[in-house]
Amino acid sequence: MDDEPVLLGLVIDEHTLSLEELACACGVNTDWLHQRLNAGLFSCCTGEGADPRFSSPELHRVRRILAIERDFDANPELAAFVVDLIEELQKLRPQP
């Protein structure tokens, strides 16, 4: 069993996260996020430039990209492409 503390939380759709908050929520540094943001692998919902803000869907996307990069040793572009495919499949599946 892993003894590291697990951070759980809920992002409410009306609130957004700063770049630093997003990095903390994903367990990465801001440089990791800047590289992928500048490459267009995810986007901010508001506040271009110095104060980007991120909503719940972006948090979910970044966490998926991170998991694919880590679990499959994938490069960032491939990880984002896989996440694109997953998101498309979810849109196409009928909702119960």
Protein backbone atom coordinates (compact mmCIF):
# COMPACT_ATOMS: atom_id res chain seq x y z
CA MET A 1 0.00 0.00 0.00
CA ASP A 2 1.27 3.46 -0.87
CA ASP A 3 1.73 5.78 2.14
CA GLU A 4 1.60 9.01 0.14
CA PRO A 5 -1.38 11.24 0.95
CA VAL A 6 -4.10 11.34 -1.69
CA LEU A 7 -5.52 14.73 -2.61
CA LEU A 8 -9.20 14.58 -3.43
CA GLY A 9 -11.36 17.51 -4.38
CA LEU A 10 -14.18 18.77 -6.48
CA VAL A 11 -13.92 21.47 -9.11
CA ILE A 12 -17.16 23.35 -9.39
CA ASP A 13 -17.98 24.33 -12.97
CA GLU A 14 -18.52 28.00 -12.12
CA HIS A 15 -14.99 28.33 -10.71
CA THR A 16 -11.75 28.26 -12.62
CA LEU A 17 -8.19 27.41 -11.69
CA SER A 18 -5.05 29.45 -12.21
CA LEU A 19 -2.03 27.84 -13.85
CA GLU A 20 -0.44 27.29 -10.44
CA GLU A 21 -3.63 25.74 -9.05
CA LEU A 22 -3.92 23.48 -12.09
CA ALA A 23 -0.30 22.38 -11.66
CA CYS A 24 -0.93 21.58 -8.00
CA ALA A 25 -4.15 19.68 -8.80
CA CYS A 26 -2.29 17.56 -11.37
CA GLY A 27 0.93 17.13 -9.41
CA VAL A 28 3.13 18.71 -12.08
CA ASN A 29 5.18 21.88 -12.29
CA THR A 30 4.09 24.94 -14.22
CA ASP A 31 6.83 24.45 -16.84
CA TRP A 32 5.25 21.09 -17.77
CA LEU A 33 1.92 22.86 -18.26
CA HIS A 34 3.44 25.79 -20.18
CA GLN A 35 5.08 23.42 -22.67
CA ARG A 36 1.82 21.63 -23.42
CA LEU A 37 -0.26 24.80 -23.40
CA ASN A 38 2.11 26.49 -25.87
CA ALA A 39 2.00 23.36 -28.07
CA GLY A 40 -1.81 23.64 -28.18
CA LEU A 41 -2.45 20.30 -26.46
CA PHE A 42 -5.03 21.93 -24.18
CA SER A 43 -6.36 25.43 -23.84
CA CYS A 44 -7.42 27.89 -21.20
CA CYS A 45 -11.08 28.80 -20.93
CA THR A 46 -10.46 32.48 -20.09
CA GLY A 47 -7.63 34.91 -19.52
CA GLU A 48 -5.04 34.60 -22.26
CA GLY A 49 -1.41 35.51 -21.64
CA ALA A 50 -0.25 36.25 -18.12
CA ASP A 51 -3.36 35.04 -16.26
CA PRO A 52 -4.89 31.99 -17.96
CA ARG A 53 -7.79 30.29 -16.18
CA PHE A 54 -8.82 26.66 -16.54
CA SER A 55 -12.16 24.98 -15.98
CA SER A 56 -13.08 21.44 -15.01
CA PRO A 57 -12.88 19.96 -18.56
CA GLU A 58 -9.33 21.27 -18.98
CA LEU A 59 -8.35 19.79 -15.60
CA HIS A 60 -9.74 16.44 -16.69
CA ARG A 61 -7.93 16.65 -20.06
CA VAL A 62 -4.59 17.55 -18.50
CA ARG A 63 -4.87 14.68 -16.01
CA ARG A 64 -5.58 12.27 -18.87
CA ILE A 65 -2.63 13.55 -20.90
CA LEU A 66 -0.38 13.20 -17.87
CA ALA A 67 -1.59 9.64 -17.19
CA ILE A 68 -1.02 8.54 -20.80
CA GLU A 69 2.43 10.12 -20.92
CA ARG A 70 3.40 8.46 -17.65
CA ASP A 71 1.75 5.04 -18.09
CA PHE A 72 2.72 4.46 -21.73
CA ASP A 73 5.87 6.60 -21.91
CA ALA A 74 4.17 8.54 -24.71
CA ASN A 75 5.31 11.87 -26.04
CA PRO A 76 2.97 14.81 -25.33
CA GLU A 77 1.52 15.00 -28.85
CA LEU A 78 0.63 11.31 -28.92
CA ALA A 79 -0.92 11.53 -25.45
CA ALA A 80 -3.07 14.49 -26.53
CA PHE A 81 -4.13 12.62 -29.68
CA VAL A 82 -5.24 9.62 -27.59
CA VAL A 83 -7.19 11.96 -25.32
CA ASP A 84 -8.83 13.52 -28.40
CA LEU A 85 -9.96 10.05 -29.49
CA ILE A 86 -11.30 9.24 -26.03
CA GLU A 87 -13.25 12.51 -25.93
CA GLU A 88 -14.72 11.83 -29.40
CA LEU A 89 -15.80 8.34 -28.35
CA GLN A 90 -17.52 9.75 -25.30
CA LYS A 91 -19.44 12.24 -27.46
CA LEU A 92 -20.55 9.48 -29.84
CA ARG A 93 -21.75 7.04 -27.20
CA PRO A 94 -25.43 7.34 -26.33
CA GLN A 95 -26.11 8.66 -22.86
CA PRO A 96 -28.25 6.38 -20.62
